[in-house]
Amino acid sequence: MLVGIVRTIILYLIIVFVLRIMGKRQIGQLQPFELVIILMISELAVIPSEDIGIPLVAGLLPVLVLLLLGLTISQITLKSEKARSIICGTPTLLINKGQLLEEELHRLRYNISDLLEQLRSKNVSNIADVEYAILETNGQLSVIPKAMKRSATPEDLKLQIPSEELAYTLVMDGVLQYKNFPKANVTMDWLQKELQKANIADYKKVLIASIDTKHQLYIQAKAK
């Protein structure tokens, strides 16, 4: 029993390490070859964890082979546009200036109901409002609304907006984030004074406190 538990922990850590090497991407962003490799790795990792008669090294060998295969294919697709189009495919135009491209929908076996669902997820309710809709190689739908249907931007209104920077977290779940204090140009004394203004005596009672680029402090106390 103990041997099986230890082997499972070791396999888990190794698989997590392998997936980290392959890159930080969500499932929906994976290319088909990456998804296949991840599925095969997960299946192969189960075998040595269930059967302690299989040497751990022998069980990990196929996983390492798949890792090398995935990294090799990734490098090839990075260097060669032709190889990338063969392995990953190419984006496909589904809507052109408000008109559905029926042949492309049939070729990809992509039904209109799915297309409408994807459009609604992009806050587009009418196909006529779409200039272009492109099905990307990872299965995601990119939607470009018509010019008159797009949200106005500061550039459209000829407004000069200062660049926005990240807000810095100063307290998270009662723990001070000291590394962010110099970045936010604040001190502990300043934070304590601000907490007192908010009727919070101790930073340990703060759920989150963050400061934005305008030096405005957001504070939320813990419920208990």
Protein backbone atom coordinates (compact mmCIF):
# COMPACT_ATOMS: atom_id res chain seq x y z
CA MET A 1 0.00 0.00 0.00
CA LEU A 2 2.72 2.45 1.03
CA VAL A 3 4.75 1.64 -2.10
CA GLY A 4 1.73 2.39 -4.29
CA ILE A 5 1.11 5.71 -2.55
CA VAL A 6 4.75 6.77 -2.93
CA ARG A 7 4.80 5.75 -6.61
CA THR A 8 1.60 7.72 -7.24
CA ILE A 9 3.03 10.84 -5.60
CA ILE A 10 6.25 10.55 -7.62
CA LEU A 11 4.31 10.09 -10.86
CA TYR A 12 2.07 13.04 -10.05
CA LEU A 13 5.02 15.35 -9.44
CA ILE A 14 6.75 14.20 -12.61
CA ILE A 15 3.62 14.68 -14.74
CA VAL A 16 3.10 18.18 -13.32
CA PHE A 17 6.73 18.96 -14.17
CA VAL A 18 6.27 17.60 -17.69
CA LEU A 19 3.16 19.71 -18.27
CA ARG A 20 4.95 22.80 -16.97
CA ILE A 21 7.72 22.21 -19.49
CA MET A 22 5.17 21.94 -22.29
CA GLY A 23 3.93 25.44 -21.47
CA LYS A 24 1.24 27.31 -19.55
CA ARG A 25 -1.92 27.11 -21.62
CA GLN A 26 -5.51 26.29 -20.88
CA ILE A 27 -7.18 23.24 -22.41
CA GLY A 28 -9.17 25.43 -24.81
CA GLN A 29 -5.95 27.00 -26.12
CA LEU A 30 -4.18 23.72 -26.92
CA GLN A 31 -3.45 22.68 -30.46
CA PRO A 32 -4.75 19.19 -31.43
CA PHE A 33 -1.32 17.55 -31.21
CA GLU A 34 -0.77 19.03 -27.74
CA LEU A 35 -4.13 17.76 -26.52
CA VAL A 36 -3.41 14.26 -27.82
CA ILE A 37 -0.03 14.20 -26.09
CA ILE A 38 -1.53 15.33 -22.77
CA LEU A 39 -4.28 12.70 -22.98
CA MET A 40 -1.75 9.96 -23.77
CA ILE A 41 0.54 11.07 -20.94
CA SER A 42 -2.34 10.95 -18.46
CA GLU A 43 -3.29 7.44 -19.61
CA LEU A 44 0.29 6.14 -19.51
CA ALA A 45 0.90 7.57 -16.05
CA VAL A 46 -1.97 5.51 -14.63
CA ILE A 47 -0.42 2.18 -15.62
CA PRO A 48 2.68 2.18 -13.34
CA SER A 49 0.67 3.73 -10.49
CA GLU A 50 -1.83 0.83 -10.58
CA ASP A 51 0.65 -1.99 -11.23
CA ILE A 52 3.58 -1.91 -8.81
CA GLY A 53 5.12 -4.81 -10.76
CA ILE A 54 6.07 -2.39 -13.52
CA PRO A 55 9.37 -0.60 -12.78
CA LEU A 56 8.81 3.11 -12.29
CA VAL A 57 11.50 3.99 -14.84
CA ALA A 58 9.90 1.76 -17.46
CA GLY A 59 6.55 3.41 -16.82
CA LEU A 60 8.03 6.88 -17.19
CA LEU A 61 9.91 6.15 -20.41
CA PRO A 62 6.84 6.53 -22.69
CA VAL A 63 5.95 9.76 -20.88
CA LEU A 64 9.41 11.20 -21.55
CA VAL A 65 9.21 10.09 -25.19
CA LEU A 66 5.89 11.93 -25.57
CA LEU A 67 7.37 15.00 -23.88
CA LEU A 68 10.29 15.05 -26.34
CA LEU A 69 7.88 14.49 -29.21
CA GLY A 70 5.70 17.40 -28.08
CA LEU A 71 8.69 19.74 -27.68
CA THR A 72 10.08 18.69 -31.07
CA ILE A 73 6.78 19.34 -32.85
CA SER A 74 6.46 22.69 -31.08
CA GLN A 75 9.91 23.73 -32.30
CA ILE A 76 9.09 22.62 -35.85
CA THR A 77 5.84 24.60 -35.88
CA LEU A 78 7.69 27.65 -34.54
CA LYS A 79 10.29 27.54 -37.32
CA SER A 80 8.16 26.50 -40.29
CA GLU A 81 4.91 28.12 -41.42
CA LYS A 82 4.22 25.22 -43.78
CA ALA A 83 4.72 22.63 -41.05
CA ARG A 84 2.48 24.64 -38.72
CA SER A 85 -0.34 24.67 -41.28
CA ILE A 86 -0.01 20.91 -41.80
CA ILE A 87 0.18 19.98 -38.11
CA CYS A 88 -2.10 22.61 -36.57
CA GLY A 89 -4.24 23.54 -39.54
CA THR A 90 -5.14 27.09 -40.59
CA PRO A 91 -7.80 29.54 -39.40
CA THR A 92 -11.08 29.36 -41.33
CA LEU A 93 -13.36 32.25 -42.21
CA LEU A 94 -16.98 31.39 -41.27
CA ILE A 95 -18.66 34.79 -41.62
CA ASN A 96 -17.67 37.33 -44.25
CA LYS A 97 -19.28 40.78 -43.99
CA GLY A 98 -22.40 39.45 -42.30
CA GLN A 99 -22.81 36.47 -44.62
CA LEU A 100 -22.41 32.85 -43.49
CA LEU A 101 -20.00 30.80 -45.58
CA GLU A 102 -22.13 27.69 -45.84
CA GLU A 103 -19.53 25.54 -47.59
CA GLU A 104 -16.99 26.15 -44.85
CA LEU A 105 -19.53 25.31 -42.15
CA HIS A 106 -20.32 22.01 -43.88
CA ARG A 107 -16.65 21.21 -44.45
CA LEU A 108 -15.82 21.72 -40.78
CA ARG A 109 -19.08 20.07 -39.61
CA TYR A 110 -19.73 23.23 -37.61
CA ASN A 111 -23.47 23.72 -37.16
CA ILE A 112 -25.20 27.09 -37.03
CA SER A 113 -26.46 26.55 -33.46
CA ASP A 114 -22.87 26.21 -32.21
CA LEU A 115 -21.88 29.29 -34.18
CA LEU A 116 -24.70 31.36 -32.70
CA GLU A 117 -23.77 30.16 -29.21
CA GLN A 118 -20.17 31.25 -29.76
CA LEU A 119 -21.33 34.64 -31.04
CA ARG A 120 -23.53 35.17 -27.98
CA SER A 121 -20.53 34.39 -25.76
CA LYS A 122 -18.81 37.31 -27.53
CA ASN A 123 -21.83 39.56 -26.81
CA VAL A 124 -22.95 39.48 -30.44
CA SER A 125 -26.61 38.60 -30.95
CA ASN A 126 -26.99 39.29 -34.68
CA ILE A 127 -24.93 37.75 -37.49
CA ALA A 128 -25.58 40.89 -39.53
CA ASP A 129 -23.46 42.86 -37.04
CA VAL A 130 -20.40 40.70 -37.74
CA GLU A 131 -17.78 41.79 -40.25
CA TYR A 132 -15.71 38.63 -39.91
CA ALA A 133 -15.87 35.49 -37.77
CA ILE A 134 -12.81 33.25 -37.88
CA LEU A 135 -12.51 29.75 -36.43
CA GLU A 136 -8.99 29.51 -35.05
CA THR A 137 -6.88 26.36 -35.11
CA ASN A 138 -7.50 25.74 -31.39
CA GLY A 139 -11.28 25.78 -31.90
CA GLN A 140 -11.86 29.28 -30.54
CA LEU A 141 -14.01 31.71 -32.54
CA SER A 142 -12.61 35.19 -33.18
CA VAL A 143 -15.29 37.79 -33.93
CA ILE A 144 -14.71 41.19 -35.54
CA PRO A 145 -17.88 43.34 -35.42
CA LYS A 146 -18.74 45.79 -38.15
CA ALA A 147 -17.29 49.26 -37.64
CA MET A 148 -20.63 50.85 -36.68
CA LYS A 149 -21.31 48.08 -34.16
CA ARG A 150 -18.04 48.28 -32.29
CA SER A 151 -17.71 49.96 -28.92
CA ALA A 152 -16.27 53.44 -29.09
CA THR A 153 -12.68 53.71 -27.90
CA PRO A 154 -10.82 56.74 -26.50
CA GLU A 155 -9.00 56.91 -29.83
CA ASP A 156 -12.33 57.17 -31.67
CA LEU A 157 -13.34 60.03 -29.37
CA LYS A 158 -9.89 61.64 -29.67
CA LEU A 159 -9.32 61.42 -25.92
CA GLN A 160 -5.90 61.24 -24.32
CA ILE A 161 -6.02 58.54 -21.64
CA PRO A 162 -2.97 57.88 -19.46
CA SER A 163 -1.61 54.36 -19.60
CA GLU A 164 -2.97 51.98 -16.97
CA GLU A 165 -0.66 49.93 -14.80
CA LEU A 166 -1.32 46.94 -12.58
CA ALA A 167 -2.81 47.41 -9.15
CA TYR A 168 -0.66 46.12 -6.32
CA THR A 169 -1.97 43.88 -3.54
CA LEU A 170 -0.80 45.05 -0.11
CA VAL A 171 -2.70 42.61 2.10
CA MET A 172 -4.10 39.26 1.07
CA ASP A 173 -6.13 37.20 3.52
CA GLY A 174 -4.49 38.86 6.50
CA VAL A 175 -0.94 38.48 5.17
CA LEU A 176 1.17 41.50 4.23
CA GLN A 177 2.59 41.46 0.70
CA TYR A 178 5.84 43.23 1.53
CA LYS A 179 7.30 42.79 -1.98
CA ASN A 180 4.65 45.11 -3.40
CA PHE A 181 5.23 47.98 -0.97
CA PRO A 182 8.21 49.50 -2.87
CA LYS A 183 6.44 48.99 -6.20
CA ALA A 184 3.37 50.85 -4.94
CA ASN A 185 5.55 53.46 -3.22
CA VAL A 186 3.87 53.00 0.17
CA THR A 187 5.06 52.22 3.68
CA MET A 188 3.72 50.16 6.53
CA ASP A 189 3.00 53.31 8.54
CA TRP A 190 0.91 54.72 5.69
CA LEU A 191 -1.04 51.47 5.39
CA GLN A 192 -1.75 51.36 9.13
CA LYS A 193 -3.09 54.92 9.02
CA GLU A 194 -5.35 54.05 6.09
CA LEU A 195 -6.62 50.96 7.88
CA GLN A 196 -7.43 53.05 10.95
CA LYS A 197 -9.44 55.43 8.74
CA ALA A 198 -11.42 52.38 7.61
CA ASN A 199 -11.96 51.38 11.27
CA ILE A 200 -9.74 48.31 10.94
CA ALA A 201 -7.34 47.96 13.84
CA ASP A 202 -5.27 45.03 12.56
CA TYR A 203 -4.20 44.14 9.01
CA LYS A 204 -4.81 40.47 9.91
CA LYS A 205 -8.52 41.26 9.76
CA VAL A 206 -8.22 42.42 6.13
CA LEU A 207 -9.37 40.06 3.40
CA ILE A 208 -7.74 42.12 0.66
CA ALA A 209 -6.20 45.56 0.31
CA SER A 210 -4.88 46.82 -3.01
CA ILE A 211 -3.77 50.13 -4.44
CA ASP A 212 -4.14 51.33 -8.04
CA THR A 213 -2.09 53.69 -10.18
CA LYS A 214 -4.09 56.68 -8.91
CA HIS A 215 -2.99 55.78 -5.39
CA GLN A 216 -6.53 54.85 -4.40
CA LEU A 217 -6.70 52.14 -1.77
CA TYR A 218 -9.31 49.40 -1.92
CA ILE A 219 -9.95 47.59 1.37
CA GLN A 220 -12.28 44.74 2.23
CA ALA A 221 -12.35 43.38 5.76
CA LYS A 222 -12.87 39.73 6.59
CA ALA A 223 -16.41 38.66 7.42
CA LYS A 224 -15.26 37.16 10.72
